[in-house]
Amino acid sequence: VVRGNVISGVRRHNYGGWGLYNDANSSHYTWENNYVWDTDDGGYYKNFGVDNVLRNNIFVNGETTQVGLSRKTYKNSFEFTRNIVVYSSPAGLFRSNDTIAPDIARFDRNIYWNTNGEVSFSGKTLKQWQETGQDKNSIVANPELDATTPKNENYKKIGFRPFSTKDAGVKGEMKRKLDAILASYRFPPIVNCPPEPQWDLDFSEDFSECEEGKTPASVGAHTEKKDR
């Protein structure tokens, strides 16, 4: 059970950037009462696994998407219920505009809100999305969030239970030690690397040294300019 966390400012180069993440064959996790905001990709992403539950979480402003599932071949991958999801176009709701069947991952009793346009369920309206069997009791409405606190009563329509994150983070003696470490630590400068290398290199491999019909045993790389 992963509960009561505040997760924000998750950055990536060209991969990752999720707030909550279930990697390969992660199963039987429960994520609840977590506040996830400002992530480079989705607030939640799952590779594959079964019987995971996401309930009563708040996901705000994933830069590209909000929720994603990689492999859709496993039934009962996760249940997504009583969550509040707020984002802003051009970000999307579901990763890769996926349509996820109810027997693969079940969505219900959630609030969705797009602060810069319509909420699109992979190109579908809420009604069309509900016709697939998903989010039968969910609504599109502004929760008017103040951090983790909804300022209107829309949350009551989905059974969301407001929670506090005042106990999140390092406390007591461990907090004192952490502050001392951070005060004396010299952080390296942040370098934003371009997504593509700033040079052109040729690659050639004809597998002439491999025995026909067999898989190459290993792969190596050699560069003549060591600074590249």
C-alpha atoms as a PDB file:
ATOM      1  CA  VAL A   1       0.000   0.000   0.000  1.00  0.00           C
ATOM      2  CA  VAL A   2       1.405   3.390  -1.061  1.00  0.00           C
ATOM      3  CA  ARG A   3      -0.478   6.125   0.753  1.00  0.00           C
ATOM      4  CA  GLY A   4      -0.311   9.797   1.695  1.00  0.00           C
ATOM      5  CA  ASN A   5       2.500  11.031  -0.552  1.00  0.00           C
ATOM      6  CA  VAL A   6       3.086  14.309  -2.365  1.00  0.00           C
ATOM      7  CA  ILE A   7       4.909  13.784  -5.670  1.00  0.00           C
ATOM      8  CA  SER A   8       5.795  16.632  -8.026  1.00  0.00           C
ATOM      9  CA  GLY A   9       8.482  17.997 -10.304  1.00  0.00           C
ATOM     10  CA  VAL A  10       9.250  14.606 -11.892  1.00  0.00           C
ATOM     11  CA  ARG A  11      11.545  15.238 -14.869  1.00  0.00           C
ATOM     12  CA  ARG A  12      12.996  13.097 -17.640  1.00  0.00           C
ATOM     13  CA  HIS A  13      15.319  13.281 -20.639  1.00  0.00           C
ATOM     14  CA  ASN A  14      13.376  11.241 -23.189  1.00  0.00           C
ATOM     15  CA  TYR A  15      11.861   8.403 -21.110  1.00  0.00           C
ATOM     16  CA  GLY A  16       9.984   8.156 -17.831  1.00  0.00           C
ATOM     17  CA  GLY A  17       8.670  11.164 -15.973  1.00  0.00           C
ATOM     18  CA  TRP A  18       5.759   9.448 -14.195  1.00  0.00           C
ATOM     19  CA  GLY A  19       4.457  10.217 -10.733  1.00  0.00           C
ATOM     20  CA  LEU A  20       3.216   6.745  -9.747  1.00  0.00           C
ATOM     21  CA  TYR A  21       4.667   3.808 -11.696  1.00  0.00           C
ATOM     22  CA  ASN A  22       4.040   0.052 -11.721  1.00  0.00           C
ATOM     23  CA  ASP A  23       6.830  -1.636 -13.668  1.00  0.00           C
ATOM     24  CA  ALA A  24       6.996  -5.152 -15.116  1.00  0.00           C
ATOM     25  CA  ASN A  25       4.621  -7.591 -13.420  1.00  0.00           C
ATOM     26  CA  SER A  26       3.855  -5.242 -10.518  1.00  0.00           C
ATOM     27  CA  SER A  27       0.744  -6.744  -8.947  1.00  0.00           C
ATOM     28  CA  HIS A  28      -1.488  -6.300  -5.895  1.00  0.00           C
ATOM     29  CA  TYR A  29      -0.492  -2.672  -5.240  1.00  0.00           C
ATOM     30  CA  THR A  30      -2.911  -0.204  -3.688  1.00  0.00           C
ATOM     31  CA  TRP A  31      -2.261   3.505  -4.302  1.00  0.00           C
ATOM     32  CA  GLU A  32      -4.486   5.840  -2.313  1.00  0.00           C
ATOM     33  CA  ASN A  33      -4.588   9.386  -0.944  1.00  0.00           C
ATOM     34  CA  ASN A  34      -1.613  10.496  -3.031  1.00  0.00           C
ATOM     35  CA  TYR A  35      -1.290  13.995  -4.502  1.00  0.00           C
ATOM     36  CA  VAL A  36       0.609  13.893  -7.807  1.00  0.00           C
ATOM     37  CA  TRP A  37       1.198  17.031  -9.853  1.00  0.00           C
ATOM     38  CA  ASP A  38       3.591  18.578 -12.375  1.00  0.00           C
ATOM     39  CA  THR A  39       5.086  15.483 -13.999  1.00  0.00           C
ATOM     40  CA  ASP A  40       6.747  15.358 -17.411  1.00  0.00           C
ATOM     41  CA  ASP A  41       4.560  12.416 -18.417  1.00  0.00           C
ATOM     42  CA  GLY A  42       1.549  10.854 -16.704  1.00  0.00           C
ATOM     43  CA  GLY A  43       0.546  10.970 -13.089  1.00  0.00           C
ATOM     44  CA  TYR A  44       0.204   7.174 -13.288  1.00  0.00           C
ATOM     45  CA  TYR A  45       1.701   4.665 -15.713  1.00  0.00           C
ATOM     46  CA  LYS A  46       1.651   0.875 -15.648  1.00  0.00           C
ATOM     47  CA  ASN A  47       3.735  -1.576 -17.634  1.00  0.00           C
ATOM     48  CA  PHE A  48       1.947  -4.833 -16.837  1.00  0.00           C
ATOM     49  CA  GLY A  49       0.695  -6.870 -13.906  1.00  0.00           C
ATOM     50  CA  VAL A  50      -2.643  -7.639 -12.263  1.00  0.00           C
ATOM     51  CA  ASP A  51      -4.972  -6.587  -9.462  1.00  0.00           C
ATOM     52  CA  ASN A  52      -3.653  -3.101  -8.754  1.00  0.00           C
ATOM     53  CA  VAL A  53      -5.950  -0.465  -7.258  1.00  0.00           C
ATOM     54  CA  LEU A  54      -5.753   3.320  -7.610  1.00  0.00           C
ATOM     55  CA  ARG A  55      -8.337   5.033  -5.464  1.00  0.00           C
ATOM     56  CA  ASN A  56      -8.904   8.427  -3.923  1.00  0.00           C
ATOM     57  CA  ASN A  57      -5.830  10.037  -5.517  1.00  0.00           C
ATOM     58  CA  ILE A  58      -5.452  13.479  -7.089  1.00  0.00           C
ATOM     59  CA  PHE A  59      -3.574  13.812 -10.386  1.00  0.00           C
ATOM     60  CA  VAL A  60      -2.890  17.309 -11.688  1.00  0.00           C
ATOM     61  CA  ASN A  61      -1.145  18.516 -14.853  1.00  0.00           C
ATOM     62  CA  GLY A  62       0.831  15.700 -16.349  1.00  0.00           C
ATOM     63  CA  GLU A  63       2.635  17.533 -19.162  1.00  0.00           C
ATOM     64  CA  THR A  64       1.851  14.980 -21.880  1.00  0.00           C
ATOM     65  CA  THR A  65      -0.730  12.527 -20.505  1.00  0.00           C
ATOM     66  CA  GLN A  66      -2.357  11.610 -17.200  1.00  0.00           C
ATOM     67  CA  VAL A  67      -2.888   7.818 -17.142  1.00  0.00           C
ATOM     68  CA  GLY A  68      -1.255   5.078 -19.191  1.00  0.00           C
ATOM     69  CA  LEU A  69      -1.090   1.307 -19.596  1.00  0.00           C
ATOM     70  CA  SER A  70       1.575  -0.394 -21.697  1.00  0.00           C
ATOM     71  CA  ARG A  71       0.462  -3.999 -22.202  1.00  0.00           C
ATOM     72  CA  LYS A  72      -3.242  -4.542 -22.660  1.00  0.00           C
ATOM     73  CA  THR A  73      -3.076  -8.323 -22.784  1.00  0.00           C
ATOM     74  CA  TYR A  74      -3.515  -8.896 -19.030  1.00  0.00           C
ATOM     75  CA  LYS A  75      -7.004  -8.874 -17.583  1.00  0.00           C
ATOM     76  CA  ASN A  76      -7.717  -7.037 -14.325  1.00  0.00           C
ATOM     77  CA  SER A  77      -4.598  -4.953 -14.694  1.00  0.00           C
ATOM     78  CA  PHE A  78      -5.821  -2.174 -12.444  1.00  0.00           C
ATOM     79  CA  GLU A  79      -8.900  -0.463 -11.033  1.00  0.00           C
ATOM     80  CA  PHE A  80      -9.027   3.335 -11.263  1.00  0.00           C
ATOM     81  CA  THR A  81     -11.747   4.666  -8.998  1.00  0.00           C
ATOM     82  CA  ARG A  82     -12.694   7.735  -6.905  1.00  0.00           C
ATOM     83  CA  ASN A  83      -9.813   9.752  -8.332  1.00  0.00           C
ATOM     84  CA  ILE A  84      -9.691  13.412  -9.381  1.00  0.00           C
ATOM     85  CA  VAL A  85      -7.829  14.130 -12.628  1.00  0.00           C
ATOM     86  CA  VAL A  86      -7.161  17.712 -13.741  1.00  0.00           C
ATOM     87  CA  TYR A  87      -5.078  18.604 -16.777  1.00  0.00           C
ATOM     88  CA  SER A  88      -4.710  21.172 -19.539  1.00  0.00           C
ATOM     89  CA  SER A  89      -4.682  20.697 -23.306  1.00  0.00           C
ATOM     90  CA  PRO A  90      -2.642  20.045 -25.398  1.00  0.00           C
ATOM     91  CA  ALA A  91      -1.903  17.324 -22.846  1.00  0.00           C
ATOM     92  CA  GLY A  92      -4.126  14.274 -23.218  1.00  0.00           C
ATOM     93  CA  LEU A  93      -5.964  12.097 -20.737  1.00  0.00           C
ATOM     94  CA  PHE A  94      -4.859   8.612 -21.786  1.00  0.00           C
ATOM     95  CA  ARG A  95      -1.371   7.770 -23.013  1.00  0.00           C
ATOM     96  CA  SER A  96      -1.186   7.266 -26.793  1.00  0.00           C
ATOM     97  CA  ASN A  97      -4.946   7.945 -26.979  1.00  0.00           C
ATOM     98  CA  ASP A  98      -5.524   4.344 -25.951  1.00  0.00           C
ATOM     99  CA  THR A  99      -8.948   2.789 -25.611  1.00  0.00           C
ATOM    100  CA  ILE A 100      -8.806   0.407 -22.657  1.00  0.00           C
ATOM    101  CA  ALA A 101     -11.436  -2.312 -22.297  1.00  0.00           C
ATOM    102  CA  PRO A 102     -13.167  -2.774 -18.901  1.00  0.00           C
ATOM    103  CA  ASP A 103     -11.823  -6.308 -18.471  1.00  0.00           C
ATOM    104  CA  ILE A 104      -8.255  -5.001 -18.889  1.00  0.00           C
ATOM    105  CA  ALA A 105      -8.484  -1.971 -16.568  1.00  0.00           C
ATOM    106  CA  ARG A 106     -11.676  -0.669 -14.994  1.00  0.00           C
ATOM    107  CA  PHE A 107     -12.429   3.047 -14.620  1.00  0.00           C
ATOM    108  CA  ASP A 108     -15.351   4.295 -12.525  1.00  0.00           C
ATOM    109  CA  ARG A 109     -16.468   7.044 -10.116  1.00  0.00           C
ATOM    110  CA  ASN A 110     -13.833   9.593 -11.158  1.00  0.00           C
ATOM    111  CA  ILE A 111     -13.844  13.342 -11.790  1.00  0.00           C
ATOM    112  CA  TYR A 112     -12.126  14.593 -14.949  1.00  0.00           C
ATOM    113  CA  TRP A 113     -11.467  18.226 -15.820  1.00  0.00           C
ATOM    114  CA  ASN A 114      -9.573  19.946 -18.642  1.00  0.00           C
ATOM    115  CA  THR A 115      -8.749  23.563 -17.808  1.00  0.00           C
ATOM    116  CA  ASN A 116      -8.096  24.370 -21.462  1.00  0.00           C
ATOM    117  CA  GLY A 117     -10.754  22.597 -23.491  1.00  0.00           C
ATOM    118  CA  GLU A 118     -12.968  19.534 -23.608  1.00  0.00           C
ATOM    119  CA  VAL A 119     -12.133  16.296 -21.827  1.00  0.00           C
ATOM    120  CA  SER A 120     -11.441  13.710 -24.514  1.00  0.00           C
ATOM    121  CA  PHE A 121     -11.437  10.012 -23.725  1.00  0.00           C
ATOM    122  CA  SER A 122      -9.152   8.963 -26.580  1.00  0.00           C
ATOM    123  CA  GLY A 123     -11.317  10.877 -29.046  1.00  0.00           C
ATOM    124  CA  LYS A 124     -14.587   9.957 -27.337  1.00  0.00           C
ATOM    125  CA  THR A 125     -16.999  12.064 -25.319  1.00  0.00           C
ATOM    126  CA  LEU A 126     -17.797  10.919 -21.799  1.00  0.00           C
ATOM    127  CA  LYS A 127     -21.063   9.411 -23.051  1.00  0.00           C
ATOM    128  CA  GLN A 128     -19.299   7.497 -25.824  1.00  0.00           C
ATOM    129  CA  TRP A 129     -16.635   6.328 -23.377  1.00  0.00           C
ATOM    130  CA  GLN A 130     -19.336   5.154 -20.968  1.00  0.00           C
ATOM    131  CA  GLU A 131     -20.907   3.145 -23.773  1.00  0.00           C
ATOM    132  CA  THR A 132     -17.735   1.024 -23.827  1.00  0.00           C
ATOM    133  CA  GLY A 133     -18.468   0.057 -20.219  1.00  0.00           C
ATOM    134  CA  GLN A 134     -16.061   2.499 -18.589  1.00  0.00           C
ATOM    135  CA  ASP A 135     -16.615   5.317 -16.066  1.00  0.00           C
ATOM    136  CA  LYS A 136     -20.354   4.621 -15.743  1.00  0.00           C
ATOM    137  CA  ASN A 137     -20.586   6.772 -12.602  1.00  0.00           C
ATOM    138  CA  SER A 138     -17.875   9.323 -13.397  1.00  0.00           C
ATOM    139  CA  ILE A 139     -18.366  12.993 -14.189  1.00  0.00           C
ATOM    140  CA  VAL A 140     -16.692  15.807 -16.083  1.00  0.00           C
ATOM    141  CA  ALA A 141     -16.691  18.750 -13.685  1.00  0.00           C
ATOM    142  CA  ASN A 142     -14.375  21.340 -12.192  1.00  0.00           C
ATOM    143  CA  PRO A 143     -13.388  20.214  -8.670  1.00  0.00           C
ATOM    144  CA  GLU A 144     -11.952  23.683  -7.937  1.00  0.00           C
ATOM    145  CA  LEU A 145      -8.917  22.253  -6.211  1.00  0.00           C
ATOM    146  CA  ASP A 146      -6.867  24.101  -3.662  1.00  0.00           C
ATOM    147  CA  ALA A 147      -3.997  21.615  -3.530  1.00  0.00           C
ATOM    148  CA  THR A 148      -5.758  18.506  -2.153  1.00  0.00           C
ATOM    149  CA  THR A 149      -8.904  20.331  -1.081  1.00  0.00           C
ATOM    150  CA  PRO A 150     -11.912  20.518  -3.446  1.00  0.00           C
ATOM    151  CA  LYS A 151     -13.648  23.882  -3.048  1.00  0.00           C
ATOM    152  CA  ASN A 152     -17.058  22.668  -4.202  1.00  0.00           C
ATOM    153  CA  GLU A 153     -19.089  19.527  -3.588  1.00  0.00           C
ATOM    154  CA  ASN A 154     -18.621  17.807  -6.950  1.00  0.00           C
ATOM    155  CA  TYR A 155     -16.314  15.328  -5.216  1.00  0.00           C
ATOM    156  CA  LYS A 156     -19.257  13.971  -3.223  1.00  0.00           C
ATOM    157  CA  LYS A 157     -20.837  12.691  -6.430  1.00  0.00           C
ATOM    158  CA  ILE A 158     -18.064  10.114  -6.847  1.00  0.00           C
ATOM    159  CA  GLY A 159     -17.501   9.271  -3.180  1.00  0.00           C
ATOM    160  CA  PHE A 160     -14.107  10.968  -3.057  1.00  0.00           C
ATOM    161  CA  ARG A 161     -12.839  11.499   0.484  1.00  0.00           C
ATOM    162  CA  PRO A 162     -10.755  14.659   1.001  1.00  0.00           C
ATOM    163  CA  PHE A 163      -7.382  13.954   2.590  1.00  0.00           C
ATOM    164  CA  SER A 164      -4.515  15.908   4.080  1.00  0.00           C
ATOM    165  CA  THR A 165      -0.852  15.580   3.127  1.00  0.00           C
ATOM    166  CA  LYS A 166       0.498  17.419   6.185  1.00  0.00           C
ATOM    167  CA  ASP A 167       2.221  14.248   7.376  1.00  0.00           C
ATOM    168  CA  ALA A 168       3.978  13.628   4.055  1.00  0.00           C
ATOM    169  CA  GLY A 169       7.740  14.026   3.911  1.00  0.00           C
ATOM    170  CA  VAL A 170      10.669  13.561   6.277  1.00  0.00           C
ATOM    171  CA  LYS A 171      10.028  14.516   9.902  1.00  0.00           C
ATOM    172  CA  GLY A 172      11.790  14.873  13.242  1.00  0.00           C
ATOM    173  CA  GLU A 173      15.456  13.935  13.644  1.00  0.00           C
ATOM    174  CA  MET A 174      15.662  12.579  10.101  1.00  0.00           C
ATOM    175  CA  LYS A 175      14.437  15.948   8.817  1.00  0.00           C
ATOM    176  CA  ARG A 176      17.209  17.724  10.766  1.00  0.00           C
ATOM    177  CA  LYS A 177      19.825  15.402   9.276  1.00  0.00           C
ATOM    178  CA  LEU A 178      18.431  15.859   5.786  1.00  0.00           C
ATOM    179  CA  ASP A 179      18.469  19.647   6.098  1.00  0.00           C
ATOM    180  CA  ALA A 180      22.110  19.527   7.200  1.00  0.00           C
ATOM    181  CA  ILE A 181      23.069  17.357   4.243  1.00  0.00           C
ATOM    182  CA  LEU A 182      21.264  19.567   1.757  1.00  0.00           C
ATOM    183  CA  ALA A 183      22.746  22.740   3.242  1.00  0.00           C
ATOM    184  CA  SER A 184      26.292  21.515   2.615  1.00  0.00           C
ATOM    185  CA  TYR A 185      25.773  19.629  -0.635  1.00  0.00           C
ATOM    186  CA  ARG A 186      26.955  21.167  -3.874  1.00  0.00           C
ATOM    187  CA  PHE A 187      24.471  20.261  -6.546  1.00  0.00           C
ATOM    188  CA  PRO A 188      25.869  19.985 -10.093  1.00  0.00           C
ATOM    189  CA  PRO A 189      24.424  22.385 -12.642  1.00  0.00           C
ATOM    190  CA  ILE A 190      21.284  21.242 -14.436  1.00  0.00           C
ATOM    191  CA  VAL A 191      21.987  20.505 -18.098  1.00  0.00           C
ATOM    192  CA  ASN A 192      19.089  20.100 -20.489  1.00  0.00           C
ATOM    193  CA  CYS A 193      20.335  17.646 -23.090  1.00  0.00           C
ATOM    194  CA  PRO A 194      18.822  17.813 -26.574  1.00  0.00           C
ATOM    195  CA  PRO A 195      16.696  14.761 -27.421  1.00  0.00           C
ATOM    196  CA  GLU A 196      18.927  14.023 -30.427  1.00  0.00           C
ATOM    197  CA  PRO A 197      22.779  14.036 -30.563  1.00  0.00           C
ATOM    198  CA  GLN A 198      24.333  17.130 -32.078  1.00  0.00           C
ATOM    199  CA  TRP A 199      26.477  15.153 -34.490  1.00  0.00           C
ATOM    200  CA  ASP A 200      26.178  12.646 -37.321  1.00  0.00           C
ATOM    201  CA  LEU A 201      27.753   9.224 -36.974  1.00  0.00           C
ATOM    202  CA  ASP A 202      27.617   6.396 -39.477  1.00  0.00           C
ATOM    203  CA  PHE A 203      26.807   2.844 -38.432  1.00  0.00           C
ATOM    204  CA  SER A 204      27.559  -0.194 -40.561  1.00  0.00           C
ATOM    205  CA  GLU A 205      27.204  -3.896 -39.756  1.00  0.00           C
ATOM    206  CA  ASP A 206      26.915  -6.646 -42.349  1.00  0.00           C
ATOM    207  CA  PHE A 207      27.227  -9.550 -39.861  1.00  0.00           C
ATOM    208  CA  SER A 208      29.902 -11.062 -42.111  1.00  0.00           C
ATOM    209  CA  GLU A 209      31.675 -12.582 -39.101  1.00  0.00           C
ATOM    210  CA  CYS A 210      28.557 -14.333 -37.824  1.00  0.00           C
ATOM    211  CA  GLU A 211      27.861 -17.973 -38.545  1.00  0.00           C
ATOM    212  CA  GLU A 212      24.904 -18.231 -40.893  1.00  0.00           C
ATOM    213  CA  GLY A 213      21.667 -19.113 -39.160  1.00  0.00           C
ATOM    214  CA  LYS A 214      22.838 -18.213 -35.665  1.00  0.00           C
ATOM    215  CA  THR A 215      22.083 -15.179 -33.531  1.00  0.00           C
ATOM    216  CA  PRO A 216      25.026 -12.795 -32.931  1.00  0.00           C
ATOM    217  CA  ALA A 217      26.527 -13.551 -29.525  1.00  0.00           C
ATOM    218  CA  SER A 218      27.197  -9.949 -28.535  1.00  0.00           C
ATOM    219  CA  VAL A 219      27.143  -6.372 -29.717  1.00  0.00           C
ATOM    220  CA  GLY A 220      29.886  -3.791 -29.210  1.00  0.00           C
ATOM    221  CA  ALA A 221      30.542  -0.182 -30.115  1.00  0.00           C
ATOM    222  CA  HIS A 222      33.810   1.546 -31.050  1.00  0.00           C
ATOM    223  CA  THR A 223      34.358   5.257 -31.530  1.00  0.00           C
ATOM    224  CA  GLU A 224      37.521   6.852 -32.846  1.00  0.00           C
ATOM    225  CA  LYS A 225      36.859  10.223 -31.226  1.00  0.00           C
ATOM    226  CA  LYS A 226      36.749   9.547 -27.512  1.00  0.00           C
ATOM    227  CA  ASP A 227      35.026  12.850 -26.706  1.00  0.00           C
ATOM    228  CA  ARG A 228      32.031  11.727 -28.749  1.00  0.00           C
END
